[in-house]
Amino acid sequence: MFQIFTDFASWLIYDLAGLDPTTKLGSALHFFVEDVTKIFALLLVMIYVIALLRASLRVERVRDFLSGKTRGAGYVMASGFGAVTPFCSCSSIPVFLGFTSAGIPVGITMAFLLTSPLINEVAVLLLLGLLGWKFTVLYVVVGMSVGILGGLFLDLIRAERWLQDFARTALERAQSGESTVPGAGHPEKLNFKERHAFAKAETLDIFGRVWKWVIIGVGLGAALHGFIPDGWLEAHLGGGQWWSVPGAVLLGIPLYSNATGVIPVMESLIMKGLPVGTTLAFCMSTVAASFPEFILLKQVMQWRLLAILFILLLISFTVIGWLFNLFSPFL
């Protein structure tokens, strides 16, 4: 299926550029070209298809639907909605504000916000080809569980107390019935031309926001693939020590990527001999606990809530890494 991208990279790097495939530079550049072209093609196709299917779905309608459900169902549905929306953590912030303005509890909103960057259809497709269906299913279950349990915990501690004043006021007004949700009711039907226009605009918008992170992620993956000395990762993080997983989580914090861009990094780390759980903990940290995301979240959350969310994610990813390392021989 993906052989065309391998052949193109081989032609460009080995035949046209004349680089030796046995050198670190040749291997790294081949990895870079193959994965960038493959991910770009998948992004364009998958985002367009998903957007075409969602052309008549308004965010306001989803918010109305979620706000009328019990808390338990709301967590699951918000997490599921996050899993099928191709948003990175930073681009999910406007939706977070929309949910808050609709009066949806913070825990349900956070179930969406935590799940959305961790899972998307392109990442699932790439994981399926990289690690097989068992690992992919477990990754989806784990990603949604982080969102659901994180949302439940934040509701239990009444996290809405630590929203910024404007966000907390909007939530309280909506929950008291002082404001109405815009766009409620039945959205008008769109013909195919209008659906196509929506899908095209959505594709260009999302692709325009994520392409640079794909290049950065693949570039890091290529560097790991071609230039990290053999045995370095195994010696520092691959020995199965208990501290290697939290170390990998902390290492991922200064970085930022989306779920699509981090897959090549995951592939490189696993190929270098890093345990699956340690790799997963590192990649989840770069996707959902990075500095850029928390800088944006500071616009809607107070420092106390940011600190609680930060610690919650670090603990979650560390435990997940430990569990995957423990059970990876059986996957």
C-alpha atoms as a PDB file:
ATOM      1  CA  MET A   1       0.000   0.000   0.000  1.00  0.00           C
ATOM      2  CA  PHE A   2       2.761   2.429   0.991  1.00  0.00           C
ATOM      3  CA  GLN A   3       5.399   1.041  -1.372  1.00  0.00           C
ATOM      4  CA  ILE A   4       4.966   4.001  -3.726  1.00  0.00           C
ATOM      5  CA  PHE A   5       6.335   6.339  -1.043  1.00  0.00           C
ATOM      6  CA  THR A   6       9.312   4.061  -0.391  1.00  0.00           C
ATOM      7  CA  ASP A   7      10.070   3.901  -4.108  1.00  0.00           C
ATOM      8  CA  PHE A   8       9.785   7.681  -4.463  1.00  0.00           C
ATOM      9  CA  ALA A   9      12.162   8.263  -1.541  1.00  0.00           C
ATOM     10  CA  SER A  10      14.650   5.767  -2.968  1.00  0.00           C
ATOM     11  CA  TRP A  11      14.539   7.454  -6.383  1.00  0.00           C
ATOM     12  CA  LEU A  12      14.931  10.951  -4.928  1.00  0.00           C
ATOM     13  CA  ILE A  13      17.641  10.249  -2.344  1.00  0.00           C
ATOM     14  CA  TYR A  14      19.593   7.329  -3.789  1.00  0.00           C
ATOM     15  CA  ASP A  15      19.172   7.703  -7.548  1.00  0.00           C
ATOM     16  CA  LEU A  16      18.717  11.436  -8.117  1.00  0.00           C
ATOM     17  CA  ALA A  17      20.780  12.809  -5.195  1.00  0.00           C
ATOM     18  CA  GLY A  18      23.264   9.942  -5.386  1.00  0.00           C
ATOM     19  CA  LEU A  19      23.515   9.344  -1.635  1.00  0.00           C
ATOM     20  CA  ASP A  20      24.708   6.006  -0.315  1.00  0.00           C
ATOM     21  CA  PRO A  21      21.930   4.071   1.470  1.00  0.00           C
ATOM     22  CA  THR A  22      24.477   2.639   3.907  1.00  0.00           C
ATOM     23  CA  THR A  23      25.432   6.074   5.261  1.00  0.00           C
ATOM     24  CA  LYS A  24      23.694   7.745   8.187  1.00  0.00           C
ATOM     25  CA  LEU A  25      22.816  10.792   6.082  1.00  0.00           C
ATOM     26  CA  GLY A  26      21.366   8.730   3.240  1.00  0.00           C
ATOM     27  CA  SER A  27      19.340   6.579   5.622  1.00  0.00           C
ATOM     28  CA  ALA A  28      18.037   9.602   7.550  1.00  0.00           C
ATOM     29  CA  LEU A  29      17.021  11.545   4.434  1.00  0.00           C
ATOM     30  CA  HIS A  30      15.314   8.497   2.929  1.00  0.00           C
ATOM     31  CA  PHE A  31      13.354   8.053   6.151  1.00  0.00           C
ATOM     32  CA  PHE A  32      12.425  11.749   6.121  1.00  0.00           C
ATOM     33  CA  VAL A  33      11.216  11.875   2.505  1.00  0.00           C
ATOM     34  CA  GLU A  34       9.299   8.593   2.719  1.00  0.00           C
ATOM     35  CA  ASP A  35       7.451   9.477   5.907  1.00  0.00           C
ATOM     36  CA  VAL A  36       6.716  13.113   5.009  1.00  0.00           C
ATOM     37  CA  THR A  37       5.178  12.190   1.644  1.00  0.00           C
ATOM     38  CA  LYS A  38       3.245   9.310   3.169  1.00  0.00           C
ATOM     39  CA  ILE A  39       1.849  11.342   6.060  1.00  0.00           C
ATOM     40  CA  PHE A  40       0.998  14.329   3.860  1.00  0.00           C
ATOM     41  CA  ALA A  41      -0.940  12.080   1.465  1.00  0.00           C
ATOM     42  CA  LEU A  42      -2.794  10.405   4.327  1.00  0.00           C
ATOM     43  CA  LEU A  43      -3.541  13.736   5.949  1.00  0.00           C
ATOM     44  CA  LEU A  44      -5.056  15.235   2.814  1.00  0.00           C
ATOM     45  CA  VAL A  45      -7.177  12.183   2.023  1.00  0.00           C
ATOM     46  CA  MET A  46      -8.342  11.339   5.537  1.00  0.00           C
ATOM     47  CA  ILE A  47      -9.091  14.907   6.664  1.00  0.00           C
ATOM     48  CA  TYR A  48     -11.095  15.524   3.500  1.00  0.00           C
ATOM     49  CA  VAL A  49     -13.115  12.312   3.888  1.00  0.00           C
ATOM     50  CA  ILE A  50     -13.837  12.925   7.569  1.00  0.00           C
ATOM     51  CA  ALA A  51     -14.720  16.572   6.900  1.00  0.00           C
ATOM     52  CA  LEU A  52     -17.052  15.531   4.095  1.00  0.00           C
ATOM     53  CA  LEU A  53     -18.910  13.245   6.497  1.00  0.00           C
ATOM     54  CA  ARG A  54     -19.032  15.976   9.139  1.00  0.00           C
ATOM     55  CA  ALA A  55     -20.132  18.712   6.726  1.00  0.00           C
ATOM     56  CA  SER A  56     -23.609  19.013   8.241  1.00  0.00           C
ATOM     57  CA  LEU A  57     -22.488  18.536  11.837  1.00  0.00           C
ATOM     58  CA  ARG A  58     -22.349  21.743  13.854  1.00  0.00           C
ATOM     59  CA  VAL A  59     -20.343  21.961  17.034  1.00  0.00           C
ATOM     60  CA  GLU A  60     -23.335  23.616  18.718  1.00  0.00           C
ATOM     61  CA  ARG A  61     -25.489  20.569  17.972  1.00  0.00           C
ATOM     62  CA  VAL A  62     -22.906  18.270  19.524  1.00  0.00           C
ATOM     63  CA  ARG A  63     -22.732  20.500  22.591  1.00  0.00           C
ATOM     64  CA  ASP A  64     -26.525  20.404  22.952  1.00  0.00           C
ATOM     65  CA  PHE A  65     -26.471  16.640  22.656  1.00  0.00           C
ATOM     66  CA  LEU A  66     -23.748  16.209  25.272  1.00  0.00           C
ATOM     67  CA  SER A  67     -25.260  18.679  27.732  1.00  0.00           C
ATOM     68  CA  GLY A  68     -28.454  16.663  27.902  1.00  0.00           C
ATOM     69  CA  LYS A  69     -26.760  13.411  28.900  1.00  0.00           C
ATOM     70  CA  THR A  70     -25.795  11.989  32.270  1.00  0.00           C
ATOM     71  CA  ARG A  71     -22.252  12.635  33.402  1.00  0.00           C
ATOM     72  CA  GLY A  72     -21.023   9.077  32.739  1.00  0.00           C
ATOM     73  CA  ALA A  73     -22.349   9.008  29.209  1.00  0.00           C
ATOM     74  CA  GLY A  74     -21.119  12.551  28.683  1.00  0.00           C
ATOM     75  CA  TYR A  75     -17.515  11.608  29.480  1.00  0.00           C
ATOM     76  CA  VAL A  76     -17.585   8.679  27.070  1.00  0.00           C
ATOM     77  CA  MET A  77     -19.278  10.632  24.291  1.00  0.00           C
ATOM     78  CA  ALA A  78     -17.019  13.670  24.670  1.00  0.00           C
ATOM     79  CA  SER A  79     -13.962  11.427  24.597  1.00  0.00           C
ATOM     80  CA  GLY A  80     -15.314   9.644  21.528  1.00  0.00           C
ATOM     81  CA  PHE A  81     -15.969  12.966  19.830  1.00  0.00           C
ATOM     82  CA  GLY A  82     -12.406  14.013  20.627  1.00  0.00           C
ATOM     83  CA  ALA A  83     -11.089  10.809  19.087  1.00  0.00           C
ATOM     84  CA  VAL A  84     -12.750  11.477  15.705  1.00  0.00           C
ATOM     85  CA  THR A  85     -11.922  15.180  15.439  1.00  0.00           C
ATOM     86  CA  PRO A  86      -8.551  15.841  13.776  1.00  0.00           C
ATOM     87  CA  PHE A  87      -7.501  18.590  16.186  1.00  0.00           C
ATOM     88  CA  CYS A  88      -4.152  19.019  17.866  1.00  0.00           C
ATOM     89  CA  SER A  89      -4.122  20.082  21.499  1.00  0.00           C
ATOM     90  CA  CYS A  90      -3.653  23.761  20.650  1.00  0.00           C
ATOM     91  CA  SER A  91      -6.438  23.962  18.062  1.00  0.00           C
ATOM     92  CA  SER A  92      -8.855  22.313  20.493  1.00  0.00           C
ATOM     93  CA  ILE A  93      -8.879  25.410  22.726  1.00  0.00           C
ATOM     94  CA  PRO A  94     -11.649  27.244  20.791  1.00  0.00           C
ATOM     95  CA  VAL A  95     -13.854  24.164  21.080  1.00  0.00           C
ATOM     96  CA  PHE A  96     -13.097  24.090  24.816  1.00  0.00           C
ATOM     97  CA  LEU A  97     -14.391  27.662  25.086  1.00  0.00           C
ATOM     98  CA  GLY A  98     -17.464  26.757  23.057  1.00  0.00           C
ATOM     99  CA  PHE A  99     -18.264  23.833  25.354  1.00  0.00           C
ATOM    100  CA  THR A 100     -17.791  26.024  28.434  1.00  0.00           C
ATOM    101  CA  SER A 101     -20.051  28.730  27.011  1.00  0.00           C
ATOM    102  CA  ALA A 102     -22.697  26.082  26.404  1.00  0.00           C
ATOM    103  CA  GLY A 103     -22.753  25.182  30.111  1.00  0.00           C
ATOM    104  CA  ILE A 104     -21.255  21.712  29.694  1.00  0.00           C
ATOM    105  CA  PRO A 105     -19.418  20.613  32.888  1.00  0.00           C
ATOM    106  CA  VAL A 106     -15.671  21.115  32.855  1.00  0.00           C
ATOM    107  CA  GLY A 107     -14.996  17.395  33.302  1.00  0.00           C
ATOM    108  CA  ILE A 108     -16.921  16.499  30.151  1.00  0.00           C
ATOM    109  CA  THR A 109     -15.180  19.305  28.278  1.00  0.00           C
ATOM    110  CA  MET A 110     -11.779  18.082  29.484  1.00  0.00           C
ATOM    111  CA  ALA A 111     -12.601  14.522  28.396  1.00  0.00           C
ATOM    112  CA  PHE A 112     -12.803  15.933  24.876  1.00  0.00           C
ATOM    113  CA  LEU A 113      -9.738  18.160  25.253  1.00  0.00           C
ATOM    114  CA  LEU A 114      -7.523  15.357  26.598  1.00  0.00           C
ATOM    115  CA  THR A 115      -8.571  12.759  24.030  1.00  0.00           C
ATOM    116  CA  SER A 116      -8.551  14.904  20.893  1.00  0.00           C
ATOM    117  CA  PRO A 117      -4.771  15.409  20.601  1.00  0.00           C
ATOM    118  CA  LEU A 118      -3.963  11.810  21.549  1.00  0.00           C
ATOM    119  CA  ILE A 119      -6.102  10.068  18.932  1.00  0.00           C
ATOM    120  CA  ASN A 120      -6.991  10.816  15.352  1.00  0.00           C
ATOM    121  CA  GLU A 121      -7.812   8.699  12.344  1.00  0.00           C
ATOM    122  CA  VAL A 122      -4.442   9.232  10.634  1.00  0.00           C
ATOM    123  CA  ALA A 123      -2.472   8.283  13.751  1.00  0.00           C
ATOM    124  CA  VAL A 124      -4.601   5.158  14.166  1.00  0.00           C
ATOM    125  CA  LEU A 125      -4.000   4.183  10.545  1.00  0.00           C
ATOM    126  CA  LEU A 126      -0.242   4.682  10.883  1.00  0.00           C
ATOM    127  CA  LEU A 127      -0.103   2.788  14.170  1.00  0.00           C
ATOM    128  CA  LEU A 128      -1.990  -0.066  12.575  1.00  0.00           C
ATOM    129  CA  GLY A 129       0.697  -0.419   9.942  1.00  0.00           C
ATOM    130  CA  LEU A 130       3.544   0.070  12.430  1.00  0.00           C
ATOM    131  CA  LEU A 131       2.592  -2.044  15.439  1.00  0.00           C
ATOM    132  CA  GLY A 132      -0.456  -4.079  14.441  1.00  0.00           C
ATOM    133  CA  TRP A 133      -4.078  -4.095  15.477  1.00  0.00           C
ATOM    134  CA  LYS A 134      -3.621  -5.246  19.095  1.00  0.00           C
ATOM    135  CA  PHE A 135      -1.380  -2.336  20.021  1.00  0.00           C
ATOM    136  CA  THR A 136      -3.551   0.090  18.048  1.00  0.00           C
ATOM    137  CA  VAL A 137      -6.724  -0.987  19.855  1.00  0.00           C
ATOM    138  CA  LEU A 138      -4.966  -0.706  23.204  1.00  0.00           C
ATOM    139  CA  TYR A 139      -3.656   2.752  22.293  1.00  0.00           C
ATOM    140  CA  VAL A 140      -7.175   3.948  21.436  1.00  0.00           C
ATOM    141  CA  VAL A 141      -8.590   2.450  24.646  1.00  0.00           C
ATOM    142  CA  VAL A 142      -5.812   4.004  26.717  1.00  0.00           C
ATOM    143  CA  GLY A 143      -6.168   7.401  25.039  1.00  0.00           C
ATOM    144  CA  MET A 144      -9.911   7.502  25.627  1.00  0.00           C
ATOM    145  CA  SER A 145      -9.482   6.250  29.196  1.00  0.00           C
ATOM    146  CA  VAL A 146      -7.107   9.128  29.955  1.00  0.00           C
ATOM    147  CA  GLY A 147      -9.786  11.544  28.745  1.00  0.00           C
ATOM    148  CA  ILE A 148     -12.684   9.863  30.556  1.00  0.00           C
ATOM    149  CA  LEU A 149     -10.927   9.325  33.903  1.00  0.00           C
ATOM    150  CA  GLY A 150      -9.263  12.740  33.729  1.00  0.00           C
ATOM    151  CA  GLY A 151     -12.619  14.391  33.138  1.00  0.00           C
ATOM    152  CA  LEU A 152     -14.212  12.468  36.011  1.00  0.00           C
ATOM    153  CA  PHE A 153     -11.394  13.467  38.381  1.00  0.00           C
ATOM    154  CA  LEU A 154     -11.606  17.160  37.421  1.00  0.00           C
ATOM    155  CA  ASP A 155     -15.351  17.174  38.021  1.00  0.00           C
ATOM    156  CA  LEU A 156     -14.884  15.508  41.414  1.00  0.00           C
ATOM    157  CA  ILE A 157     -12.502  18.264  42.555  1.00  0.00           C
ATOM    158  CA  ARG A 158     -14.782  20.974  41.070  1.00  0.00           C
ATOM    159  CA  ALA A 159     -12.127  22.206  38.672  1.00  0.00           C
ATOM    160  CA  GLU A 160     -14.432  24.941  37.348  1.00  0.00           C
ATOM    161  CA  ARG A 161     -13.393  26.985  40.394  1.00  0.00           C
ATOM    162  CA  TRP A 162     -10.020  27.554  38.760  1.00  0.00           C
ATOM    163  CA  LEU A 163     -11.080  28.689  35.325  1.00  0.00           C
ATOM    164  CA  GLN A 164     -10.217  32.239  34.336  1.00  0.00           C
ATOM    165  CA  ASP A 165     -12.936  34.674  35.387  1.00  0.00           C
ATOM    166  CA  PHE A 166     -14.483  35.138  31.940  1.00  0.00           C
ATOM    167  CA  ALA A 167     -14.670  31.389  31.298  1.00  0.00           C
ATOM    168  CA  ARG A 168     -16.087  30.624  34.748  1.00  0.00           C
ATOM    169  CA  THR A 169     -18.683  33.391  34.368  1.00  0.00           C
ATOM    170  CA  ALA A 170     -19.750  32.077  30.969  1.00  0.00           C
ATOM    171  CA  LEU A 171     -20.090  28.561  32.376  1.00  0.00           C
ATOM    172  CA  GLU A 172     -22.137  29.705  35.360  1.00  0.00           C
ATOM    173  CA  ARG A 173     -24.460  31.842  33.230  1.00  0.00           C
ATOM    174  CA  ALA A 174     -25.058  29.031  30.786  1.00  0.00           C
ATOM    175  CA  GLN A 175     -25.734  26.510  33.555  1.00  0.00           C
ATOM    176  CA  SER A 176     -28.168  28.897  35.241  1.00  0.00           C
ATOM    177  CA  GLY A 177     -30.090  29.362  32.001  1.00  0.00           C
ATOM    178  CA  GLU A 178     -29.137  32.998  31.483  1.00  0.00           C
ATOM    179  CA  SER A 179     -27.651  32.304  28.073  1.00  0.00           C
ATOM    180  CA  THR A 180     -28.666  30.149  25.187  1.00  0.00           C
ATOM    181  CA  VAL A 181     -26.525  28.036  22.930  1.00  0.00           C
ATOM    182  CA  PRO A 182     -26.169  29.621  19.490  1.00  0.00           C
ATOM    183  CA  GLY A 183     -27.047  27.505  16.543  1.00  0.00           C
ATOM    184  CA  ALA A 184     -29.445  25.238  18.401  1.00  0.00           C
ATOM    185  CA  GLY A 185     -32.033  23.479  16.328  1.00  0.00           C
ATOM    186  CA  HIS A 186     -31.833  21.562  13.108  1.00  0.00           C
ATOM    187  CA  PRO A 187     -29.000  22.538  10.774  1.00  0.00           C
ATOM    188  CA  GLU A 188     -29.950  23.023   7.186  1.00  0.00           C
ATOM    189  CA  LYS A 189     -29.156  20.268   4.731  1.00  0.00           C
ATOM    190  CA  LEU A 190     -26.152  20.809   2.525  1.00  0.00           C
ATOM    191  CA  ASN A 191     -25.859  19.636  -1.051  1.00  0.00           C
ATOM    192  CA  PHE A 192     -22.719  17.882  -2.274  1.00  0.00           C
ATOM    193  CA  LYS A 193     -21.171  21.051  -3.676  1.00  0.00           C
ATOM    194  CA  GLU A 194     -21.515  22.761  -0.301  1.00  0.00           C
ATOM    195  CA  ARG A 195     -20.184  19.675   1.500  1.00  0.00           C
ATOM    196  CA  HIS A 196     -17.204  19.601  -0.841  1.00  0.00           C
ATOM    197  CA  ALA A 197     -16.527  23.299  -0.252  1.00  0.00           C
ATOM    198  CA  PHE A 198     -16.657  22.737   3.507  1.00  0.00           C
ATOM    199  CA  ALA A 199     -14.408  19.678   3.318  1.00  0.00           C
ATOM    200  CA  LYS A 200     -11.921  21.476   1.084  1.00  0.00           C
ATOM    201  CA  ALA A 201     -11.739  24.473   3.397  1.00  0.00           C
ATOM    202  CA  GLU A 202     -11.440  22.215   6.442  1.00  0.00           C
ATOM    203  CA  THR A 203      -8.668  20.198   4.803  1.00  0.00           C
ATOM    204  CA  LEU A 204      -6.679  23.274   3.821  1.00  0.00           C
ATOM    205  CA  ASP A 205      -7.169  24.856   7.244  1.00  0.00           C
ATOM    206  CA  ILE A 206      -6.129  21.802   9.275  1.00  0.00           C
ATOM    207  CA  PHE A 207      -3.318  20.870   6.899  1.00  0.00           C
ATOM    208  CA  GLY A 208      -2.078  24.456   7.016  1.00  0.00           C
ATOM    209  CA  ARG A 209      -1.843  24.247  10.799  1.00  0.00           C
ATOM    210  CA  VAL A 210      -0.214  20.828  11.139  1.00  0.00           C
ATOM    211  CA  TRP A 211       2.136  20.410   8.184  1.00  0.00           C
ATOM    212  CA  LYS A 212       5.046  22.118   9.930  1.00  0.00           C
ATOM    213  CA  TRP A 213       4.642  19.873  12.955  1.00  0.00           C
ATOM    214  CA  VAL A 214       4.713  16.831  10.691  1.00  0.00           C
ATOM    215  CA  ILE A 215       8.009  18.030   9.232  1.00  0.00           C
ATOM    216  CA  ILE A 216       9.413  18.723  12.699  1.00  0.00           C
ATOM    217  CA  GLY A 217       8.238  15.351  13.991  1.00  0.00           C
ATOM    218  CA  VAL A 218       9.535  13.453  10.979  1.00  0.00           C
ATOM    219  CA  GLY A 219      12.766  15.447  11.102  1.00  0.00           C
ATOM    220  CA  LEU A 220      13.295  14.406  14.712  1.00  0.00           C
ATOM    221  CA  GLY A 221      12.411  10.851  13.745  1.00  0.00           C
ATOM    222  CA  ALA A 222      14.930  10.970  10.885  1.00  0.00           C
ATOM    223  CA  ALA A 223      17.613  12.271  13.235  1.00  0.00           C
ATOM    224  CA  LEU A 224      16.897   9.457  15.662  1.00  0.00           C
ATOM    225  CA  HIS A 225      16.796   6.998  12.801  1.00  0.00           C
ATOM    226  CA  GLY A 226      20.042   8.063  11.169  1.00  0.00           C
ATOM    227  CA  PHE A 227      22.282   9.836  13.661  1.00  0.00           C
ATOM    228  CA  ILE A 228      21.702   8.564  17.189  1.00  0.00           C
ATOM    229  CA  PRO A 229      24.615   6.200  17.897  1.00  0.00           C
ATOM    230  CA  ASP A 230      23.705   2.553  18.016  1.00  0.00           C
ATOM    231  CA  GLY A 231      23.076   1.482  21.572  1.00  0.00           C
ATOM    232  CA  TRP A 232      22.643   5.022  22.994  1.00  0.00           C
ATOM    233  CA  LEU A 233      18.893   4.754  23.597  1.00  0.00           C
ATOM    234  CA  GLU A 234      19.135   1.230  24.966  1.00  0.00           C
ATOM    235  CA  ALA A 235      21.871   2.341  27.370  1.00  0.00           C
ATOM    236  CA  HIS A 236      20.008   5.402  28.669  1.00  0.00           C
ATOM    237  CA  LEU A 237      16.306   4.570  28.508  1.00  0.00           C
ATOM    238  CA  GLY A 238      16.051   1.031  27.227  1.00  0.00           C
ATOM    239  CA  GLY A 239      17.210  -0.975  30.217  1.00  0.00           C
ATOM    240  CA  GLY A 240      13.763  -1.340  31.747  1.00  0.00           C
ATOM    241  CA  GLN A 241      14.655   0.683  34.840  1.00  0.00           C
ATOM    242  CA  TRP A 242      11.652   2.058  36.719  1.00  0.00           C
ATOM    243  CA  TRP A 243      12.851   5.640  36.218  1.00  0.00           C
ATOM    244  CA  SER A 244      13.199   5.333  32.434  1.00  0.00           C
ATOM    245  CA  VAL A 245       9.475   5.860  31.865  1.00  0.00           C
ATOM    246  CA  PRO A 246       9.068   9.052  33.949  1.00  0.00           C
ATOM    247  CA  GLY A 247      12.379  10.190  32.439  1.00  0.00           C
ATOM    248  CA  ALA A 248      10.936   9.761  28.950  1.00  0.00           C
ATOM    249  CA  VAL A 249       7.792  11.663  29.974  1.00  0.00           C
ATOM    250  CA  LEU A 250       9.838  14.600  31.282  1.00  0.00           C
ATOM    251  CA  LEU A 251      11.990  14.526  28.141  1.00  0.00           C
ATOM    252  CA  GLY A 252       8.894  14.967  25.979  1.00  0.00           C
ATOM    253  CA  ILE A 253       7.550  18.046  27.770  1.00  0.00           C
ATOM    254  CA  PRO A 254       9.704  20.692  26.024  1.00  0.00           C
ATOM    255  CA  LEU A 255       8.742  19.249  22.638  1.00  0.00           C
ATOM    256  CA  TYR A 256       5.458  19.623  20.787  1.00  0.00           C
ATOM    257  CA  SER A 257       3.826  17.547  18.089  1.00  0.00           C
ATOM    258  CA  ASN A 258       0.423  16.257  17.125  1.00  0.00           C
ATOM    259  CA  ALA A 259      -0.522  12.583  17.091  1.00  0.00           C
ATOM    260  CA  THR A 260       0.246  12.333  13.378  1.00  0.00           C
ATOM    261  CA  GLY A 261       3.666  13.934  13.555  1.00  0.00           C
ATOM    262  CA  VAL A 262       4.758  11.909  16.576  1.00  0.00           C
ATOM    263  CA  ILE A 263       4.189   8.500  14.939  1.00  0.00           C
ATOM    264  CA  PRO A 264       7.477   8.617  12.953  1.00  0.00           C
ATOM    265  CA  VAL A 265       9.284   9.457  16.189  1.00  0.00           C
ATOM    266  CA  MET A 266       7.631   6.473  17.842  1.00  0.00           C
ATOM    267  CA  GLU A 267       8.704   4.266  14.938  1.00  0.00           C
ATOM    268  CA  SER A 268      12.319   5.437  15.197  1.00  0.00           C
ATOM    269  CA  LEU A 269      12.470   4.960  18.964  1.00  0.00           C
ATOM    270  CA  ILE A 270      11.097   1.434  18.752  1.00  0.00           C
ATOM    271  CA  MET A 271      13.502   0.596  15.921  1.00  0.00           C
ATOM    272  CA  LYS A 272      16.353   1.845  18.134  1.00  0.00           C
ATOM    273  CA  GLY A 273      15.361  -0.619  20.825  1.00  0.00           C
ATOM    274  CA  LEU A 274      13.377   1.564  23.226  1.00  0.00           C
ATOM    275  CA  PRO A 275      10.645  -0.410  25.043  1.00  0.00           C
ATOM    276  CA  VAL A 276       7.128   0.143  23.725  1.00  0.00           C
ATOM    277  CA  GLY A 277       5.816   1.556  27.009  1.00  0.00           C
ATOM    278  CA  THR A 278       8.688   4.012  27.375  1.00  0.00           C
ATOM    279  CA  THR A 279       8.213   5.100  23.764  1.00  0.00           C
ATOM    280  CA  LEU A 280       4.478   5.545  24.240  1.00  0.00           C
ATOM    281  CA  ALA A 281       4.965   7.586  27.418  1.00  0.00           C
ATOM    282  CA  PHE A 282       7.410   9.902  25.628  1.00  0.00           C
ATOM    283  CA  CYS A 283       5.158  10.390  22.618  1.00  0.00           C
ATOM    284  CA  MET A 284       1.997  10.988  24.655  1.00  0.00           C
ATOM    285  CA  SER A 285       3.886  13.595  26.670  1.00  0.00           C
ATOM    286  CA  THR A 286       4.920  15.520  23.542  1.00  0.00           C
ATOM    287  CA  VAL A 287       1.341  15.426  22.228  1.00  0.00           C
ATOM    288  CA  ALA A 288      -0.728  16.249  25.320  1.00  0.00           C
ATOM    289  CA  ALA A 289       1.576  17.722  27.997  1.00  0.00           C
ATOM    290  CA  SER A 290       3.859  20.054  26.081  1.00  0.00           C
ATOM    291  CA  PHE A 291       4.774  23.635  26.959  1.00  0.00           C
ATOM    292  CA  PRO A 292       3.003  25.215  23.940  1.00  0.00           C
ATOM    293  CA  GLU A 293      -0.305  23.606  24.890  1.00  0.00           C
ATOM    294  CA  PHE A 294      -0.091  24.801  28.489  1.00  0.00           C
ATOM    295  CA  ILE A 295       0.801  28.305  27.347  1.00  0.00           C
ATOM    296  CA  LEU A 296      -2.483  28.390  25.440  1.00  0.00           C
ATOM    297  CA  LEU A 297      -4.433  26.750  28.253  1.00  0.00           C
ATOM    298  CA  LYS A 298      -3.246  29.519  30.576  1.00  0.00           C
ATOM    299  CA  GLN A 299      -5.608  31.799  28.654  1.00  0.00           C
ATOM    300  CA  VAL A 300      -8.614  29.894  30.052  1.00  0.00           C
ATOM    301  CA  MET A 301      -7.250  28.292  33.257  1.00  0.00           C
ATOM    302  CA  GLN A 302      -5.649  29.565  36.435  1.00  0.00           C
ATOM    303  CA  TRP A 303      -2.234  28.313  37.489  1.00  0.00           C
ATOM    304  CA  ARG A 304      -3.659  25.929  40.085  1.00  0.00           C
ATOM    305  CA  LEU A 305      -5.782  24.101  37.537  1.00  0.00           C
ATOM    306  CA  LEU A 306      -2.888  24.017  35.074  1.00  0.00           C
ATOM    307  CA  ALA A 307      -0.639  22.472  37.726  1.00  0.00           C
ATOM    308  CA  ILE A 308      -3.268  19.854  38.617  1.00  0.00           C
ATOM    309  CA  LEU A 309      -3.767  18.991  34.942  1.00  0.00           C
ATOM    310  CA  PHE A 310      -0.009  18.828  34.375  1.00  0.00           C
ATOM    311  CA  ILE A 311       0.591  16.458  37.290  1.00  0.00           C
ATOM    312  CA  LEU A 312      -2.427  14.355  36.301  1.00  0.00           C
ATOM    313  CA  LEU A 313      -1.053  13.868  32.784  1.00  0.00           C
ATOM    314  CA  LEU A 314       2.473  13.083  33.957  1.00  0.00           C
ATOM    315  CA  ILE A 315       1.222  10.452  36.392  1.00  0.00           C
ATOM    316  CA  SER A 316      -1.149   8.978  33.794  1.00  0.00           C
ATOM    317  CA  PHE A 317       1.510   8.676  31.097  1.00  0.00           C
ATOM    318  CA  THR A 318       4.033   7.204  33.526  1.00  0.00           C
ATOM    319  CA  VAL A 319       1.597   4.536  34.716  1.00  0.00           C
ATOM    320  CA  ILE A 320       0.608   3.791  31.113  1.00  0.00           C
ATOM    321  CA  GLY A 321       4.267   3.392  30.144  1.00  0.00           C
ATOM    322  CA  TRP A 322       4.938   1.032  33.032  1.00  0.00           C
ATOM    323  CA  LEU A 323       1.893  -1.088  32.171  1.00  0.00           C
ATOM    324  CA  PHE A 324       2.761  -1.320  28.469  1.00  0.00           C
ATOM    325  CA  ASN A 325       6.339  -2.303  29.282  1.00  0.00           C
ATOM    326  CA  LEU A 326       4.999  -4.972  31.610  1.00  0.00           C
ATOM    327  CA  PHE A 327       2.535  -6.453  29.144  1.00  0.00           C
ATOM    328  CA  SER A 328       4.292  -5.751  25.820  1.00  0.00           C
ATOM    329  CA  PRO A 329       5.677  -9.313  25.563  1.00  0.00           C
ATOM    330  CA  PHE A 330       2.080 -10.528  25.298  1.00  0.00           C
ATOM    331  CA  LEU A 331       0.977  -8.060  22.600  1.00  0.00           C
END
